[in-house]
Amino acid sequence: GQYGLAQCLTFGDGVPRDLNEAARYYRLAADQGHAPAQCCLAQFYLHGQGLPKDHDEGVRYHRLAADQNYIPSQLALGSMLIDDEHIP
């Protein structure tokens, strides 16, 4: 439910678009181990959407999802390595 609501808030699907609220719901789902929510929250951190930009937190949430074999986060981390970005 939390991830679904976060998606609706992200894209304005049936509700007004609100990235701050979306980030809050992604975090609730992510902190319960939901890999797609961890990936979305990572992207929010990396791009400063709905919360302050924080590269290290973005990488941390991508790692949590990647450790669950969530391919989009594995690809994101791999791209960061190829682009020679700092990965703590």
PDB file of N, CA and C in Angstrom:
ATOM      1  N   GLY A   1       0.782  -1.188   0.000  1.00  0.00           N
ATOM      2  CA  GLY A   1       0.000   0.000   0.000  1.00  0.00           C
ATOM      3  C   GLY A   1       0.839   1.276   0.000  1.00  0.00           C
ATOM      4  N   GLN A   2       1.893   1.315   0.803  1.00  0.00           N
ATOM      5  CA  GLN A   2       2.713   2.524   0.905  1.00  0.00           C
ATOM      6  C   GLN A   2       3.430   2.813  -0.407  1.00  0.00           C
ATOM      7  N   TYR A   3       3.967   1.774  -1.020  1.00  0.00           N
ATOM      8  CA  TYR A   3       4.661   1.951  -2.287  1.00  0.00           C
ATOM      9  C   TYR A   3       3.688   2.413  -3.371  1.00  0.00           C
ATOM     10  N   GLY A   4       2.519   1.804  -3.420  1.00  0.00           N
ATOM     11  CA  GLY A   4       1.517   2.187  -4.407  1.00  0.00           C
ATOM     12  C   GLY A   4       1.093   3.636  -4.250  1.00  0.00           C
ATOM     13  N   LEU A   5       0.886   4.072  -3.008  1.00  0.00           N
ATOM     14  CA  LEU A   5       0.521   5.464  -2.770  1.00  0.00           C
ATOM     15  C   LEU A   5       1.672   6.394  -3.168  1.00  0.00           C
ATOM     16  N   ALA A   6       2.894   5.993  -2.861  1.00  0.00           N
ATOM     17  CA  ALA A   6       4.056   6.801  -3.244  1.00  0.00           C
ATOM     18  C   ALA A   6       4.127   6.964  -4.758  1.00  0.00           C
ATOM     19  N   GLN A   7       3.832   5.895  -5.486  1.00  0.00           N
ATOM     20  CA  GLN A   7       3.837   5.967  -6.949  1.00  0.00           C
ATOM     21  C   GLN A   7       2.763   6.941  -7.445  1.00  0.00           C
ATOM     22  N   CYS A   8       1.567   6.847  -6.858  1.00  0.00           N
ATOM     23  CA  CYS A   8       0.495   7.772  -7.243  1.00  0.00           C
ATOM     24  C   CYS A   8       0.897   9.216  -6.974  1.00  0.00           C
ATOM     25  N   LEU A   9       1.520   9.461  -5.826  1.00  0.00           N
ATOM     26  CA  LEU A   9       1.960  10.814  -5.480  1.00  0.00           C
ATOM     27  C   LEU A   9       3.093  11.295  -6.388  1.00  0.00           C
ATOM     28  N   THR A  10       3.944  10.387  -6.802  1.00  0.00           N
ATOM     29  CA  THR A  10       5.062  10.747  -7.683  1.00  0.00           C
ATOM     30  C   THR A  10       4.555  11.215  -9.042  1.00  0.00           C
ATOM     31  N   PHE A  11       3.566  10.509  -9.559  1.00  0.00           N
ATOM     32  CA  PHE A  11       3.108  10.774 -10.924  1.00  0.00           C
ATOM     33  C   PHE A  11       1.782  11.524 -11.005  1.00  0.00           C
ATOM     34  N   GLY A  12       1.202  11.845  -9.839  1.00  0.00           N
ATOM     35  CA  GLY A  12      -0.076  12.556  -9.848  1.00  0.00           C
ATOM     36  C   GLY A  12      -1.200  11.705 -10.395  1.00  0.00           C
ATOM     37  N   ASP A  13      -1.153  10.427 -10.109  1.00  0.00           N
ATOM     38  CA  ASP A  13      -2.152   9.484 -10.616  1.00  0.00           C
ATOM     39  C   ASP A  13      -3.325   9.387  -9.632  1.00  0.00           C
ATOM     40  N   GLY A  14      -4.379  10.149  -9.881  1.00  0.00           N
ATOM     41  CA  GLY A  14      -5.550  10.130  -9.022  1.00  0.00           C
ATOM     42  C   GLY A  14      -5.453  11.025  -7.804  1.00  0.00           C
ATOM     43  N   VAL A  15      -4.290  11.583  -7.583  1.00  0.00           N
ATOM     44  CA  VAL A  15      -4.053  12.509  -6.467  1.00  0.00           C
ATOM     45  C   VAL A  15      -3.153  13.624  -6.972  1.00  0.00           C
ATOM     46  N   PRO A  16      -3.143  14.773  -6.301  1.00  0.00           N
ATOM     47  CA  PRO A  16      -2.199  15.814  -6.719  1.00  0.00           C
ATOM     48  C   PRO A  16      -0.748  15.330  -6.553  1.00  0.00           C
ATOM     49  N   ARG A  17       0.095  15.672  -7.504  1.00  0.00           N
ATOM     50  CA  ARG A  17       1.511  15.288  -7.447  1.00  0.00           C
ATOM     51  C   ARG A  17       2.169  15.974  -6.253  1.00  0.00           C
ATOM     52  N   ASP A  18       2.857  15.194  -5.417  1.00  0.00           N
ATOM     53  CA  ASP A  18       3.502  15.730  -4.215  1.00  0.00           C
ATOM     54  C   ASP A  18       4.739  14.879  -3.925  1.00  0.00           C
ATOM     55  N   LEU A  19       5.897  15.369  -4.347  1.00  0.00           N
ATOM     56  CA  LEU A  19       7.125  14.586  -4.193  1.00  0.00           C
ATOM     57  C   LEU A  19       7.567  14.472  -2.743  1.00  0.00           C
ATOM     58  N   ASN A  20       7.246  15.461  -1.909  1.00  0.00           N
ATOM     59  CA  ASN A  20       7.597  15.371  -0.484  1.00  0.00           C
ATOM     60  C   ASN A  20       6.846  14.220   0.183  1.00  0.00           C
ATOM     61  N   GLU A  21       5.551  14.129  -0.084  1.00  0.00           N
ATOM     62  CA  GLU A  21       4.753  13.036   0.468  1.00  0.00           C
ATOM     63  C   GLU A  21       5.157  11.702  -0.153  1.00  0.00           C
ATOM     64  N   ALA A  22       5.465  11.714  -1.439  1.00  0.00           N
ATOM     65  CA  ALA A  22       5.912  10.483  -2.093  1.00  0.00           C
ATOM     66  C   ALA A  22       7.172   9.956  -1.411  1.00  0.00           C
ATOM     67  N   ALA A  23       8.122  10.850  -1.135  1.00  0.00           N
ATOM     68  CA  ALA A  23       9.359  10.442  -0.465  1.00  0.00           C
ATOM     69  C   ALA A  23       9.061   9.834   0.899  1.00  0.00           C
ATOM     70  N   ARG A  24       8.110  10.413   1.601  1.00  0.00           N
ATOM     71  CA  ARG A  24       7.754   9.900   2.928  1.00  0.00           C
ATOM     72  C   ARG A  24       7.209   8.472   2.826  1.00  0.00           C
ATOM     73  N   TYR A  25       6.340   8.233   1.858  1.00  0.00           N
ATOM     74  CA  TYR A  25       5.775   6.889   1.707  1.00  0.00           C
ATOM     75  C   TYR A  25       6.788   5.893   1.142  1.00  0.00           C
ATOM     76  N   TYR A  26       7.659   6.341   0.250  1.00  0.00           N
ATOM     77  CA  TYR A  26       8.734   5.451  -0.213  1.00  0.00           C
ATOM     78  C   TYR A  26       9.592   5.029   0.972  1.00  0.00           C
ATOM     79  N   ARG A  27       9.903   5.982   1.860  1.00  0.00           N
ATOM     80  CA  ARG A  27      10.747   5.655   3.015  1.00  0.00           C
ATOM     81  C   ARG A  27      10.063   4.631   3.920  1.00  0.00           C
ATOM     82  N   LEU A  28       8.767   4.803   4.151  1.00  0.00           N
ATOM     83  CA  LEU A  28       8.048   3.830   4.985  1.00  0.00           C
ATOM     84  C   LEU A  28       8.135   2.424   4.393  1.00  0.00           C
ATOM     85  N   ALA A  29       7.926   2.316   3.098  1.00  0.00           N
ATOM     86  CA  ALA A  29       8.006   1.009   2.443  1.00  0.00           C
ATOM     87  C   ALA A  29       9.451   0.509   2.392  1.00  0.00           C
ATOM     88  N   ALA A  30      10.381   1.411   2.075  1.00  0.00           N
ATOM     89  CA  ALA A  30      11.792   1.035   1.967  1.00  0.00           C
ATOM     90  C   ALA A  30      12.330   0.516   3.295  1.00  0.00           C
ATOM     91  N   ASP A  31      11.940   1.169   4.383  1.00  0.00           N
ATOM     92  CA  ASP A  31      12.445   0.757   5.689  1.00  0.00           C
ATOM     93  C   ASP A  31      11.837  -0.558   6.164  1.00  0.00           C
ATOM     94  N   GLN A  32      10.841  -1.048   5.439  1.00  0.00           N
ATOM     95  CA  GLN A  32      10.288  -2.375   5.698  1.00  0.00           C
ATOM     96  C   GLN A  32      10.881  -3.413   4.750  1.00  0.00           C
ATOM     97  N   GLY A  33      11.882  -2.997   3.958  1.00  0.00           N
ATOM     98  CA  GLY A  33      12.590  -3.935   3.095  1.00  0.00           C
ATOM     99  C   GLY A  33      12.032  -4.077   1.692  1.00  0.00           C
ATOM    100  N   HIS A  34      11.165  -3.168   1.269  1.00  0.00           N
ATOM    101  CA  HIS A  34      10.564  -3.244  -0.069  1.00  0.00           C
ATOM    102  C   HIS A  34      11.575  -2.724  -1.099  1.00  0.00           C
ATOM    103  N   ALA A  35      12.141  -3.634  -1.902  1.00  0.00           N
ATOM    104  CA  ALA A  35      13.225  -3.274  -2.825  1.00  0.00           C
ATOM    105  C   ALA A  35      12.832  -2.208  -3.854  1.00  0.00           C
ATOM    106  N   PRO A  36      11.667  -2.289  -4.512  1.00  0.00           N
ATOM    107  CA  PRO A  36      11.322  -1.217  -5.452  1.00  0.00           C
ATOM    108  C   PRO A  36      11.226   0.150  -4.783  1.00  0.00           C
ATOM    109  N   ALA A  37      10.725   0.190  -3.548  1.00  0.00           N
ATOM    110  CA  ALA A  37      10.656   1.458  -2.816  1.00  0.00           C
ATOM    111  C   ALA A  37      12.064   1.948  -2.469  1.00  0.00           C
ATOM    112  N   GLN A  38      12.951   1.040  -2.119  1.00  0.00           N
ATOM    113  CA  GLN A  38      14.335   1.417  -1.825  1.00  0.00           C
ATOM    114  C   GLN A  38      14.987   2.038  -3.053  1.00  0.00           C
ATOM    115  N   CYS A  39      14.722   1.460  -4.213  1.00  0.00           N
ATOM    116  CA  CYS A  39      15.267   1.976  -5.465  1.00  0.00           C
ATOM    117  C   CYS A  39      14.725   3.378  -5.751  1.00  0.00           C
ATOM    118  N   CYS A  40      13.419   3.554  -5.604  1.00  0.00           N
ATOM    119  CA  CYS A  40      12.814   4.872  -5.862  1.00  0.00           C
ATOM    120  C   CYS A  40      13.328   5.907  -4.873  1.00  0.00           C
ATOM    121  N   LEU A  41      13.421   5.524  -3.603  1.00  0.00           N
ATOM    122  CA  LEU A  41      13.932   6.463  -2.594  1.00  0.00           C
ATOM    123  C   LEU A  41      15.386   6.827  -2.895  1.00  0.00           C
ATOM    124  N   ALA A  42      16.153   5.846  -3.348  1.00  0.00           N
ATOM    125  CA  ALA A  42      17.540   6.117  -3.734  1.00  0.00           C
ATOM    126  C   ALA A  42      17.595   7.188  -4.819  1.00  0.00           C
ATOM    127  N   GLN A  43      16.733   7.049  -5.818  1.00  0.00           N
ATOM    128  CA  GLN A  43      16.709   8.033  -6.905  1.00  0.00           C
ATOM    129  C   GLN A  43      16.280   9.410  -6.401  1.00  0.00           C
ATOM    130  N   PHE A  44      15.327   9.432  -5.480  1.00  0.00           N
ATOM    131  CA  PHE A  44      14.902  10.711  -4.901  1.00  0.00           C
ATOM    132  C   PHE A  44      16.085  11.376  -4.204  1.00  0.00           C
ATOM    133  N   TYR A  45      16.846  10.600  -3.441  1.00  0.00           N
ATOM    134  CA  TYR A  45      18.029  11.160  -2.769  1.00  0.00           C
ATOM    135  C   TYR A  45      19.078  11.626  -3.777  1.00  0.00           C
ATOM    136  N   LEU A  46      19.331  10.829  -4.780  1.00  0.00           N
ATOM    137  CA  LEU A  46      20.374  11.165  -5.746  1.00  0.00           C
ATOM    138  C   LEU A  46      20.045  12.428  -6.539  1.00  0.00           C
ATOM    139  N   HIS A  47      18.763  12.687  -6.757  1.00  0.00           N
ATOM    140  CA  HIS A  47      18.357  13.838  -7.560  1.00  0.00           C
ATOM    141  C   HIS A  47      17.734  14.963  -6.750  1.00  0.00           C
ATOM    142  N   GLY A  48      17.662  14.793  -5.423  1.00  0.00           N
ATOM    143  CA  GLY A  48      17.091  15.826  -4.577  1.00  0.00           C
ATOM    144  C   GLY A  48      15.618  16.069  -4.858  1.00  0.00           C
ATOM    145  N   GLN A  49      14.873  15.012  -5.073  1.00  0.00           N
ATOM    146  CA  GLN A  49      13.435  15.122  -5.334  1.00  0.00           C
ATOM    147  C   GLN A  49      12.669  14.784  -4.057  1.00  0.00           C
ATOM    148  N   GLY A  50      11.916  15.740  -3.550  1.00  0.00           N
ATOM    149  CA  GLY A  50      11.087  15.491  -2.381  1.00  0.00           C
ATOM    150  C   GLY A  50      11.826  15.465  -1.069  1.00  0.00           C
ATOM    151  N   LEU A  51      13.131  15.563  -1.122  1.00  0.00           N
ATOM    152  CA  LEU A  51      13.974  15.633   0.070  1.00  0.00           C
ATOM    153  C   LEU A  51      15.346  16.144  -0.343  1.00  0.00           C
ATOM    154  N   PRO A  52      16.165  16.548   0.613  1.00  0.00           N
ATOM    155  CA  PRO A  52      17.482  17.099   0.237  1.00  0.00           C
ATOM    156  C   PRO A  52      18.349  16.064  -0.498  1.00  0.00           C
ATOM    157  N   LYS A  53      19.110  16.553  -1.459  1.00  0.00           N
ATOM    158  CA  LYS A  53      20.019  15.687  -2.220  1.00  0.00           C
ATOM    159  C   LYS A  53      21.069  15.107  -1.273  1.00  0.00           C
ATOM    160  N   ASP A  54      21.263  13.793  -1.345  1.00  0.00           N
ATOM    161  CA  ASP A  54      22.230  13.120  -0.481  1.00  0.00           C
ATOM    162  C   ASP A  54      22.746  11.878  -1.216  1.00  0.00           C
ATOM    163  N   HIS A  55      23.896  12.028  -1.834  1.00  0.00           N
ATOM    164  CA  HIS A  55      24.478  10.956  -2.646  1.00  0.00           C
ATOM    165  C   HIS A  55      24.694   9.676  -1.830  1.00  0.00           C
ATOM    166  N   ASP A  56      25.237   9.816  -0.633  1.00  0.00           N
ATOM    167  CA  ASP A  56      25.531   8.637   0.181  1.00  0.00           C
ATOM    168  C   ASP A  56      24.265   7.866   0.554  1.00  0.00           C
ATOM    169  N   GLU A  57      23.197   8.578   0.888  1.00  0.00           N
ATOM    170  CA  GLU A  57      21.935   7.906   1.206  1.00  0.00           C
ATOM    171  C   GLU A  57      21.355   7.238  -0.042  1.00  0.00           C
ATOM    172  N   GLY A  58      21.499   7.891  -1.179  1.00  0.00           N
ATOM    173  CA  GLY A  58      21.039   7.291  -2.423  1.00  0.00           C
ATOM    174  C   GLY A  58      21.740   5.979  -2.701  1.00  0.00           C
ATOM    175  N   VAL A  59      23.045   5.990  -2.544  1.00  0.00           N
ATOM    176  CA  VAL A  59      23.817   4.756  -2.745  1.00  0.00           C
ATOM    177  C   VAL A  59      23.416   3.707  -1.719  1.00  0.00           C
ATOM    178  N   ARG A  60      23.215   4.118  -0.477  1.00  0.00           N
ATOM    179  CA  ARG A  60      22.851   3.167   0.580  1.00  0.00           C
ATOM    180  C   ARG A  60      21.534   2.457   0.252  1.00  0.00           C
ATOM    181  N   TYR A  61      20.542   3.222  -0.172  1.00  0.00           N
ATOM    182  CA  TYR A  61      19.260   2.594  -0.500  1.00  0.00           C
ATOM    183  C   TYR A  61      19.350   1.730  -1.762  1.00  0.00           C
ATOM    184  N   HIS A  62      20.159   2.150  -2.734  1.00  0.00           N
ATOM    185  CA  HIS A  62      20.359   1.278  -3.901  1.00  0.00           C
ATOM    186  C   HIS A  62      21.035  -0.024  -3.480  1.00  0.00           C
ATOM    187  N   ARG A  63      21.973   0.057  -2.557  1.00  0.00           N
ATOM    188  CA  ARG A  63      22.643  -1.165  -2.095  1.00  0.00           C
ATOM    189  C   ARG A  63      21.672  -2.104  -1.399  1.00  0.00           C
ATOM    190  N   LEU A  64      20.781  -1.533  -0.573  1.00  0.00           N
ATOM    191  CA  LEU A  64      19.795  -2.376   0.112  1.00  0.00           C
ATOM    192  C   LEU A  64      18.948  -3.133  -0.901  1.00  0.00           C
ATOM    193  N   ALA A  65      18.522  -2.436  -1.950  1.00  0.00           N
ATOM    194  CA  ALA A  65      17.702  -3.084  -2.980  1.00  0.00           C
ATOM    195  C   ALA A  65      18.536  -4.064  -3.806  1.00  0.00           C
ATOM    196  N   ALA A  66      19.747  -3.669  -4.161  1.00  0.00           N
ATOM    197  CA  ALA A  66      20.617  -4.545  -4.958  1.00  0.00           C
ATOM    198  C   ALA A  66      20.932  -5.830  -4.209  1.00  0.00           C
ATOM    199  N   ASP A  67      21.083  -5.743  -2.893  1.00  0.00           N
ATOM    200  CA  ASP A  67      21.352  -6.935  -2.082  1.00  0.00           C
ATOM    201  C   ASP A  67      20.184  -7.915  -2.094  1.00  0.00           C
ATOM    202  N   GLN A  68      19.008  -7.431  -2.514  1.00  0.00           N
ATOM    203  CA  GLN A  68      17.839  -8.307  -2.654  1.00  0.00           C
ATOM    204  C   GLN A  68      17.665  -8.740  -4.118  1.00  0.00           C
ATOM    205  N   ASN A  69      18.735  -8.537  -4.892  1.00  0.00           N
ATOM    206  CA  ASN A  69      18.737  -8.892  -6.319  1.00  0.00           C
ATOM    207  C   ASN A  69      17.751  -8.072  -7.136  1.00  0.00           C
ATOM    208  N   TYR A  70      17.518  -6.826  -6.727  1.00  0.00           N
ATOM    209  CA  TYR A  70      16.637  -5.937  -7.481  1.00  0.00           C
ATOM    210  C   TYR A  70      17.458  -5.323  -8.611  1.00  0.00           C
ATOM    211  N   ILE A  71      17.199  -5.768  -9.821  1.00  0.00           N
ATOM    212  CA  ILE A  71      18.029  -5.440 -10.984  1.00  0.00           C
ATOM    213  C   ILE A  71      18.153  -3.942 -11.254  1.00  0.00           C
ATOM    214  N   PRO A  72      17.076  -3.135 -11.174  1.00  0.00           N
ATOM    215  CA  PRO A  72      17.267  -1.695 -11.435  1.00  0.00           C
ATOM    216  C   PRO A  72      18.299  -1.039 -10.517  1.00  0.00           C
ATOM    217  N   SER A  73      18.348  -1.460  -9.256  1.00  0.00           N
ATOM    218  CA  SER A  73      19.352  -0.891  -8.351  1.00  0.00           C
ATOM    219  C   SER A  73      20.743  -1.436  -8.660  1.00  0.00           C
ATOM    220  N   GLN A  74      20.826  -2.697  -9.049  1.00  0.00           N
ATOM    221  CA  GLN A  74      22.122  -3.238  -9.447  1.00  0.00           C
ATOM    222  C   GLN A  74      22.664  -2.476 -10.658  1.00  0.00           C
ATOM    223  N   LEU A  75      21.784  -2.202 -11.618  1.00  0.00           N
ATOM    224  CA  LEU A  75      22.198  -1.436 -12.803  1.00  0.00           C
ATOM    225  C   LEU A  75      22.612  -0.017 -12.433  1.00  0.00           C
ATOM    226  N   ALA A  76      21.870   0.609 -11.530  1.00  0.00           N
ATOM    227  CA  ALA A  76      22.201   1.978 -11.119  1.00  0.00           C
ATOM    228  C   ALA A  76      23.578   2.028 -10.462  1.00  0.00           C
ATOM    229  N   LEU A  77      23.861   1.083  -9.584  1.00  0.00           N
ATOM    230  CA  LEU A  77      25.174   1.048  -8.935  1.00  0.00           C
ATOM    231  C   LEU A  77      26.279   0.763  -9.949  1.00  0.00           C
ATOM    232  N   GLY A  78      26.020  -0.140 -10.870  1.00  0.00           N
ATOM    233  CA  GLY A  78      27.003  -0.433 -11.918  1.00  0.00           C
ATOM    234  C   GLY A  78      27.280   0.782 -12.779  1.00  0.00           C
ATOM    235  N   SER A  79      26.240   1.533 -13.110  1.00  0.00           N
ATOM    236  CA  SER A  79      26.419   2.757 -13.905  1.00  0.00           C
ATOM    237  C   SER A  79      27.256   3.778 -13.153  1.00  0.00           C
ATOM    238  N   MET A  80      27.021   3.866 -11.832  1.00  0.00           N
ATOM    239  CA  MET A  80      27.820   4.803 -11.042  1.00  0.00           C
ATOM    240  C   MET A  80      29.291   4.426 -11.071  1.00  0.00           C
ATOM    241  N   LEU A  81      29.572   3.125 -10.993  1.00  0.00           N
ATOM    242  CA  LEU A  81      30.965   2.675 -11.037  1.00  0.00           C
ATOM    243  C   LEU A  81      31.589   2.977 -12.391  1.00  0.00           C
ATOM    244  N   ILE A  82      30.850   2.725 -13.459  1.00  0.00           N
ATOM    245  CA  ILE A  82      31.360   2.989 -14.810  1.00  0.00           C
ATOM    246  C   ILE A  82      31.636   4.476 -14.993  1.00  0.00           C
ATOM    247  N   ASP A  83      30.742   5.320 -14.434  1.00  0.00           N
ATOM    248  CA  ASP A  83      30.914   6.768 -14.540  1.00  0.00           C
ATOM    249  C   ASP A  83      31.916   7.318 -13.534  1.00  0.00           C
ATOM    250  N   ASP A  84      32.541   6.423 -12.774  1.00  0.00           N
ATOM    251  CA  ASP A  84      33.572   6.785 -11.805  1.00  0.00           C
ATOM    252  C   ASP A  84      33.038   7.685 -10.689  1.00  0.00           C
ATOM    253  N   GLU A  85      31.772   7.480 -10.332  1.00  0.00           N
ATOM    254  CA  GLU A  85      31.194   8.233  -9.224  1.00  0.00           C
ATOM    255  C   GLU A  85      31.656   7.637  -7.906  1.00  0.00           C
ATOM    256  N   HIS A  86      31.712   8.472  -6.896  1.00  0.00           N
ATOM    257  CA  HIS A  86      32.081   8.021  -5.550  1.00  0.00           C
ATOM    258  C   HIS A  86      30.985   7.128  -4.990  1.00  0.00           C
ATOM    259  N   ILE A  87      31.359   5.930  -4.595  1.00  0.00           N
ATOM    260  CA  ILE A  87      30.416   5.022  -3.957  1.00  0.00           C
ATOM    261  C   ILE A  87      31.013   4.654  -2.602  1.00  0.00           C
ATOM    262  N   PRO A  88      30.398   5.180  -1.540  1.00  0.00           N
ATOM    263  CA  PRO A  88      30.959   4.915  -0.193  1.00  0.00           C
ATOM    264  C   PRO A  88      30.844   3.462   0.206  1.00  0.00           C
TER     265      PRO A  88
END
